[in-house]
Amino acid sequence: MGMEPEPADGWPDGPLSEEDARDLLFDREEVVAVWVMDHDEGTRTAILGPDPDEDAVIDVVVETADAFEMYSYTHHEGGTAWVTYGEESKADDGATGMAGTLESYRLLVGESDL
């Protein structure tokens, strides 16, 4: 990955709830797992403002059979929006690199190849 973030088309105007994040598993047939990051209160407040919803999801990795797709709800281009960092193919040692990244994430739903 390591790409510059780009706006994520078709994503909502705010953070996801955990239920919305779980639904990503069923949005596309090829999705096998959905991962979320549990941020500390300081990070959540910096992105979402004071008193953010407890189940607000602001970082998601969608795992397909072939790749990982990383999304964040963050400050971008003068506002706060969902952005994508692209996808990392599992065939290009993506699973190895992503395994380290996902150590700080929680498997929300599905069955991962890792």
N, C-alpha and C. Protein backbone atom coordinates (compact mmCIF):
# COMPACT_ATOMS: atom_id res chain seq x y z
N MET A 1 0.85 -1.17 0.00
CA MET A 1 0.00 0.00 0.00
C MET A 1 0.89 1.23 0.00
N GLY A 2 0.80 2.09 1.00
CA GLY A 2 1.66 3.24 1.04
C GLY A 2 1.30 4.30 0.02
N MET A 3 0.18 4.17 -0.63
CA MET A 3 -0.27 5.15 -1.61
C MET A 3 -0.84 6.36 -0.90
N GLU A 4 -0.94 7.47 -1.65
CA GLU A 4 -1.63 8.63 -1.13
C GLU A 4 -3.11 8.30 -1.08
N PRO A 5 -3.80 8.72 -0.02
CA PRO A 5 -5.23 8.40 0.06
C PRO A 5 -6.03 9.13 -1.01
N GLU A 6 -7.05 8.45 -1.49
CA GLU A 6 -7.97 9.02 -2.46
C GLU A 6 -9.38 8.88 -1.90
N PRO A 7 -10.30 9.78 -2.26
CA PRO A 7 -11.67 9.64 -1.77
C PRO A 7 -12.23 8.26 -2.10
N ALA A 8 -12.94 7.68 -1.15
CA ALA A 8 -13.56 6.37 -1.35
C ALA A 8 -14.98 6.58 -1.86
N ASP A 9 -15.20 6.24 -3.10
CA ASP A 9 -16.52 6.42 -3.72
C ASP A 9 -17.55 5.50 -3.09
N GLY A 10 -18.73 6.03 -2.87
CA GLY A 10 -19.83 5.21 -2.39
C GLY A 10 -19.85 4.97 -0.89
N TRP A 11 -18.95 5.58 -0.15
CA TRP A 11 -18.92 5.41 1.30
C TRP A 11 -19.76 6.51 1.94
N PRO A 12 -20.26 6.29 3.16
CA PRO A 12 -21.13 7.28 3.80
C PRO A 12 -20.39 8.56 4.17
N ASP A 13 -21.16 9.56 4.60
CA ASP A 13 -20.57 10.85 4.98
C ASP A 13 -20.02 10.87 6.39
N GLY A 14 -20.16 9.81 7.13
CA GLY A 14 -19.67 9.75 8.50
C GLY A 14 -19.07 8.39 8.78
N PRO A 15 -18.67 8.17 10.03
CA PRO A 15 -18.09 6.88 10.40
C PRO A 15 -19.13 5.77 10.26
N LEU A 16 -18.65 4.55 10.18
CA LEU A 16 -19.53 3.39 10.16
C LEU A 16 -19.85 2.98 11.59
N SER A 17 -20.99 2.36 11.79
CA SER A 17 -21.24 1.66 13.04
C SER A 17 -20.63 0.27 12.87
N GLU A 18 -20.48 -0.48 13.96
CA GLU A 18 -19.96 -1.84 13.82
C GLU A 18 -20.90 -2.68 12.95
N GLU A 19 -22.20 -2.44 13.06
CA GLU A 19 -23.17 -3.18 12.23
C GLU A 19 -22.95 -2.88 10.75
N ASP A 20 -22.75 -1.58 10.42
CA ASP A 20 -22.46 -1.20 9.03
C ASP A 20 -21.18 -1.86 8.54
N ALA A 21 -20.16 -1.91 9.39
CA ALA A 21 -18.89 -2.53 9.01
C ALA A 21 -19.08 -4.03 8.78
N ARG A 22 -19.88 -4.69 9.62
CA ARG A 22 -20.16 -6.12 9.41
C ARG A 22 -20.83 -6.35 8.07
N ASP A 23 -21.72 -5.42 7.68
CA ASP A 23 -22.44 -5.57 6.42
C ASP A 23 -21.53 -5.53 5.20
N LEU A 24 -20.31 -4.99 5.36
CA LEU A 24 -19.36 -4.97 4.24
C LEU A 24 -19.04 -6.39 3.76
N LEU A 25 -19.16 -7.37 4.67
CA LEU A 25 -18.91 -8.76 4.30
C LEU A 25 -19.89 -9.22 3.24
N PHE A 26 -21.10 -8.67 3.27
CA PHE A 26 -22.16 -9.12 2.38
C PHE A 26 -22.38 -8.20 1.19
N ASP A 27 -21.68 -7.06 1.17
CA ASP A 27 -21.86 -6.09 0.08
C ASP A 27 -21.33 -6.60 -1.25
N ARG A 28 -20.28 -7.39 -1.19
CA ARG A 28 -19.67 -7.93 -2.42
C ARG A 28 -19.37 -9.40 -2.17
N GLU A 29 -19.66 -10.21 -3.16
CA GLU A 29 -19.51 -11.65 -3.03
C GLU A 29 -18.09 -12.08 -2.68
N GLU A 30 -17.09 -11.32 -3.17
CA GLU A 30 -15.69 -11.75 -2.98
C GLU A 30 -15.11 -11.40 -1.61
N VAL A 31 -15.83 -10.66 -0.77
CA VAL A 31 -15.32 -10.30 0.55
C VAL A 31 -15.37 -11.51 1.48
N VAL A 32 -14.23 -11.82 2.13
CA VAL A 32 -14.16 -12.97 3.03
C VAL A 32 -14.05 -12.55 4.49
N ALA A 33 -13.58 -11.32 4.75
CA ALA A 33 -13.42 -10.86 6.13
C ALA A 33 -13.39 -9.33 6.18
N VAL A 34 -13.78 -8.80 7.34
CA VAL A 34 -13.72 -7.36 7.59
C VAL A 34 -13.00 -7.15 8.91
N TRP A 35 -11.97 -6.31 8.88
CA TRP A 35 -11.16 -5.99 10.04
C TRP A 35 -11.41 -4.53 10.42
N VAL A 36 -11.39 -4.22 11.73
CA VAL A 36 -11.53 -2.85 12.20
C VAL A 36 -10.44 -2.55 13.22
N MET A 37 -10.09 -1.28 13.32
CA MET A 37 -9.12 -0.86 14.32
C MET A 37 -9.87 -0.21 15.49
N ASP A 38 -9.51 -0.59 16.70
CA ASP A 38 -10.07 0.01 17.90
C ASP A 38 -9.12 1.11 18.36
N HIS A 39 -9.46 2.35 18.03
CA HIS A 39 -8.59 3.48 18.36
C HIS A 39 -8.76 3.91 19.81
N ASP A 40 -7.71 4.58 20.33
CA ASP A 40 -7.81 5.15 21.66
C ASP A 40 -8.74 6.37 21.61
N GLU A 41 -9.18 6.81 22.77
CA GLU A 41 -10.13 7.91 22.86
C GLU A 41 -9.60 9.20 22.24
N GLY A 42 -8.29 9.49 22.41
CA GLY A 42 -7.70 10.70 21.83
C GLY A 42 -7.79 10.73 20.32
N THR A 43 -7.50 9.61 19.68
CA THR A 43 -7.58 9.53 18.22
C THR A 43 -9.02 9.67 17.76
N ARG A 44 -9.93 8.97 18.43
CA ARG A 44 -11.34 9.03 18.06
C ARG A 44 -11.88 10.45 18.19
N THR A 45 -11.51 11.13 19.26
CA THR A 45 -11.97 12.50 19.48
C THR A 45 -11.39 13.45 18.44
N ALA A 46 -10.13 13.25 18.06
CA ALA A 46 -9.50 14.11 17.05
C ALA A 46 -10.20 14.01 15.70
N ILE A 47 -10.71 12.84 15.37
CA ILE A 47 -11.39 12.63 14.08
C ILE A 47 -12.88 12.94 14.18
N LEU A 48 -13.52 12.49 15.27
CA LEU A 48 -14.98 12.54 15.36
C LEU A 48 -15.52 13.67 16.23
N GLY A 49 -14.64 14.36 16.96
CA GLY A 49 -15.11 15.41 17.86
C GLY A 49 -15.41 14.83 19.24
N PRO A 50 -15.86 15.69 20.16
CA PRO A 50 -16.11 15.23 21.53
C PRO A 50 -17.25 14.21 21.59
N ASP A 51 -17.14 13.29 22.52
CA ASP A 51 -18.16 12.27 22.78
C ASP A 51 -18.53 11.44 21.55
N PRO A 52 -17.56 10.83 20.88
CA PRO A 52 -17.89 9.99 19.71
C PRO A 52 -18.66 8.74 20.14
N ASP A 53 -19.49 8.23 19.23
CA ASP A 53 -20.20 6.98 19.50
C ASP A 53 -19.19 5.89 19.82
N GLU A 54 -19.52 5.06 20.80
CA GLU A 54 -18.61 4.00 21.23
C GLU A 54 -18.31 2.99 20.13
N ASP A 55 -19.29 2.77 19.23
CA ASP A 55 -19.06 1.76 18.20
C ASP A 55 -18.71 2.37 16.85
N ALA A 56 -18.33 3.65 16.84
CA ALA A 56 -17.95 4.30 15.58
C ALA A 56 -16.67 3.67 15.03
N VAL A 57 -16.73 3.23 13.78
CA VAL A 57 -15.59 2.60 13.11
C VAL A 57 -15.00 3.60 12.12
N ILE A 58 -13.68 3.86 12.26
CA ILE A 58 -13.04 4.83 11.38
C ILE A 58 -11.88 4.25 10.57
N ASP A 59 -11.52 3.01 10.82
CA ASP A 59 -10.49 2.33 10.02
C ASP A 59 -10.94 0.91 9.75
N VAL A 60 -10.95 0.53 8.46
CA VAL A 60 -11.46 -0.77 8.03
C VAL A 60 -10.50 -1.37 7.01
N VAL A 61 -10.27 -2.67 7.12
CA VAL A 61 -9.61 -3.42 6.06
C VAL A 61 -10.60 -4.47 5.59
N VAL A 62 -10.89 -4.44 4.30
CA VAL A 62 -11.77 -5.42 3.67
C VAL A 62 -10.86 -6.45 3.00
N GLU A 63 -11.03 -7.70 3.39
CA GLU A 63 -10.20 -8.78 2.84
C GLU A 63 -11.02 -9.57 1.83
N THR A 64 -10.46 -9.74 0.65
CA THR A 64 -11.06 -10.60 -0.37
C THR A 64 -10.15 -11.82 -0.51
N ALA A 65 -10.54 -12.74 -1.36
CA ALA A 65 -9.71 -13.93 -1.58
C ALA A 65 -8.35 -13.55 -2.16
N ASP A 66 -8.27 -12.41 -2.87
CA ASP A 66 -7.05 -12.04 -3.58
C ASP A 66 -6.28 -10.85 -3.01
N ALA A 67 -6.94 -10.03 -2.16
CA ALA A 67 -6.30 -8.77 -1.76
C ALA A 67 -6.87 -8.23 -0.45
N PHE A 68 -6.19 -7.19 0.03
CA PHE A 68 -6.65 -6.41 1.18
C PHE A 68 -6.91 -5.00 0.68
N GLU A 69 -8.03 -4.40 1.10
CA GLU A 69 -8.37 -3.03 0.75
C GLU A 69 -8.48 -2.24 2.06
N MET A 70 -7.74 -1.14 2.16
CA MET A 70 -7.70 -0.37 3.39
C MET A 70 -8.45 0.95 3.21
N TYR A 71 -9.33 1.26 4.20
CA TYR A 71 -10.13 2.48 4.19
C TYR A 71 -10.03 3.16 5.55
N SER A 72 -10.05 4.51 5.53
CA SER A 72 -10.04 5.29 6.77
C SER A 72 -11.00 6.46 6.65
N TYR A 73 -11.68 6.74 7.74
CA TYR A 73 -12.47 7.97 7.87
C TYR A 73 -11.55 8.95 8.57
N THR A 74 -11.10 9.99 7.85
CA THR A 74 -10.05 10.86 8.37
C THR A 74 -10.16 12.25 7.76
N HIS A 75 -9.32 13.15 8.27
CA HIS A 75 -9.25 14.49 7.70
C HIS A 75 -8.62 14.38 6.32
N HIS A 76 -9.30 14.96 5.32
CA HIS A 76 -8.81 14.86 3.95
C HIS A 76 -9.36 16.03 3.14
N GLU A 77 -8.48 16.73 2.47
CA GLU A 77 -8.84 17.83 1.56
C GLU A 77 -9.83 18.81 2.20
N GLY A 78 -9.49 19.27 3.40
CA GLY A 78 -10.27 20.31 4.07
C GLY A 78 -11.52 19.83 4.78
N GLY A 79 -11.75 18.55 4.84
CA GLY A 79 -12.92 18.01 5.53
C GLY A 79 -12.59 16.67 6.13
N THR A 80 -13.62 15.96 6.53
CA THR A 80 -13.46 14.61 7.04
C THR A 80 -14.26 13.69 6.14
N ALA A 81 -13.62 12.65 5.61
CA ALA A 81 -14.26 11.77 4.64
C ALA A 81 -13.59 10.40 4.65
N TRP A 82 -14.28 9.44 4.06
CA TRP A 82 -13.68 8.12 3.85
C TRP A 82 -12.70 8.21 2.69
N VAL A 83 -11.53 7.65 2.91
CA VAL A 83 -10.51 7.57 1.86
C VAL A 83 -10.07 6.12 1.72
N THR A 84 -9.51 5.81 0.57
CA THR A 84 -8.95 4.48 0.36
C THR A 84 -7.46 4.60 0.08
N TYR A 85 -6.74 3.62 0.52
CA TYR A 85 -5.30 3.56 0.27
C TYR A 85 -4.99 2.52 -0.80
N GLY A 86 -6.04 2.08 -1.49
CA GLY A 86 -5.86 1.10 -2.55
C GLY A 86 -5.91 -0.31 -2.02
N GLU A 87 -5.44 -1.22 -2.82
CA GLU A 87 -5.45 -2.61 -2.40
C GLU A 87 -4.06 -3.21 -2.50
N GLU A 88 -3.85 -4.20 -1.66
CA GLU A 88 -2.57 -4.92 -1.64
C GLU A 88 -2.86 -6.37 -2.00
N SER A 89 -2.28 -6.82 -3.08
CA SER A 89 -2.51 -8.18 -3.55
C SER A 89 -1.88 -9.20 -2.61
N LYS A 90 -2.59 -10.26 -2.34
CA LYS A 90 -2.03 -11.34 -1.52
C LYS A 90 -0.93 -12.08 -2.28
N ALA A 91 -0.97 -12.05 -3.60
CA ALA A 91 0.02 -12.74 -4.42
C ALA A 91 1.39 -12.07 -4.35
N ASP A 92 1.43 -10.77 -4.05
CA ASP A 92 2.69 -10.03 -3.99
C ASP A 92 3.20 -9.88 -2.57
N ASP A 93 3.19 -10.97 -1.82
CA ASP A 93 3.58 -10.94 -0.41
C ASP A 93 2.70 -9.99 0.39
N GLY A 94 1.54 -9.65 -0.14
CA GLY A 94 0.62 -8.77 0.57
C GLY A 94 0.16 -9.36 1.88
N ALA A 95 -0.06 -10.66 1.91
CA ALA A 95 -0.52 -11.30 3.14
C ALA A 95 0.54 -11.18 4.22
N THR A 96 1.81 -11.29 3.85
CA THR A 96 2.88 -11.19 4.82
C THR A 96 2.96 -9.78 5.39
N GLY A 97 2.96 -8.78 4.53
CA GLY A 97 3.02 -7.39 4.99
C GLY A 97 1.79 -6.98 5.75
N MET A 98 0.64 -7.41 5.29
CA MET A 98 -0.61 -7.04 5.94
C MET A 98 -0.77 -7.74 7.28
N ALA A 99 -0.18 -8.90 7.46
CA ALA A 99 -0.27 -9.60 8.74
C ALA A 99 0.26 -8.72 9.87
N GLY A 100 1.35 -8.02 9.63
CA GLY A 100 1.88 -7.10 10.63
C GLY A 100 0.96 -5.93 10.89
N THR A 101 0.40 -5.38 9.83
CA THR A 101 -0.54 -4.27 9.96
C THR A 101 -1.77 -4.70 10.74
N LEU A 102 -2.29 -5.86 10.42
CA LEU A 102 -3.53 -6.31 11.04
C LEU A 102 -3.37 -6.76 12.49
N GLU A 103 -2.14 -6.82 12.99
CA GLU A 103 -1.94 -7.11 14.41
C GLU A 103 -2.60 -6.04 15.27
N SER A 104 -2.73 -4.82 14.74
CA SER A 104 -3.37 -3.74 15.50
C SER A 104 -4.86 -3.61 15.17
N TYR A 105 -5.39 -4.51 14.35
CA TYR A 105 -6.81 -4.53 14.00
C TYR A 105 -7.49 -5.71 14.68
N ARG A 106 -8.80 -5.69 14.66
CA ARG A 106 -9.61 -6.78 15.21
C ARG A 106 -10.46 -7.36 14.09
N LEU A 107 -10.47 -8.69 13.97
CA LEU A 107 -11.32 -9.34 12.98
C LEU A 107 -12.76 -9.17 13.44
N LEU A 108 -13.54 -8.41 12.70
CA LEU A 108 -14.92 -8.12 13.07
C LEU A 108 -15.86 -9.22 12.62
N VAL A 109 -15.68 -9.66 11.38
CA VAL A 109 -16.57 -10.67 10.82
C VAL A 109 -15.88 -11.39 9.66
N GLY A 110 -16.24 -12.66 9.45
CA GLY A 110 -15.69 -13.41 8.35
C GLY A 110 -14.57 -14.34 8.79
N GLU A 111 -13.93 -14.91 7.79
CA GLU A 111 -12.82 -15.83 8.04
C GLU A 111 -11.64 -15.38 7.20
N SER A 112 -10.57 -15.01 7.88
CA SER A 112 -9.38 -14.49 7.21
C SER A 112 -8.46 -15.62 6.78
N ASP A 113 -7.67 -15.34 5.75
CA ASP A 113 -6.63 -16.28 5.32
C ASP A 113 -5.41 -16.21 6.22
N LEU A 114 -5.31 -15.19 7.07
CA LEU A 114 -4.13 -15.03 7.92
C LEU A 114 -4.21 -15.89 9.17
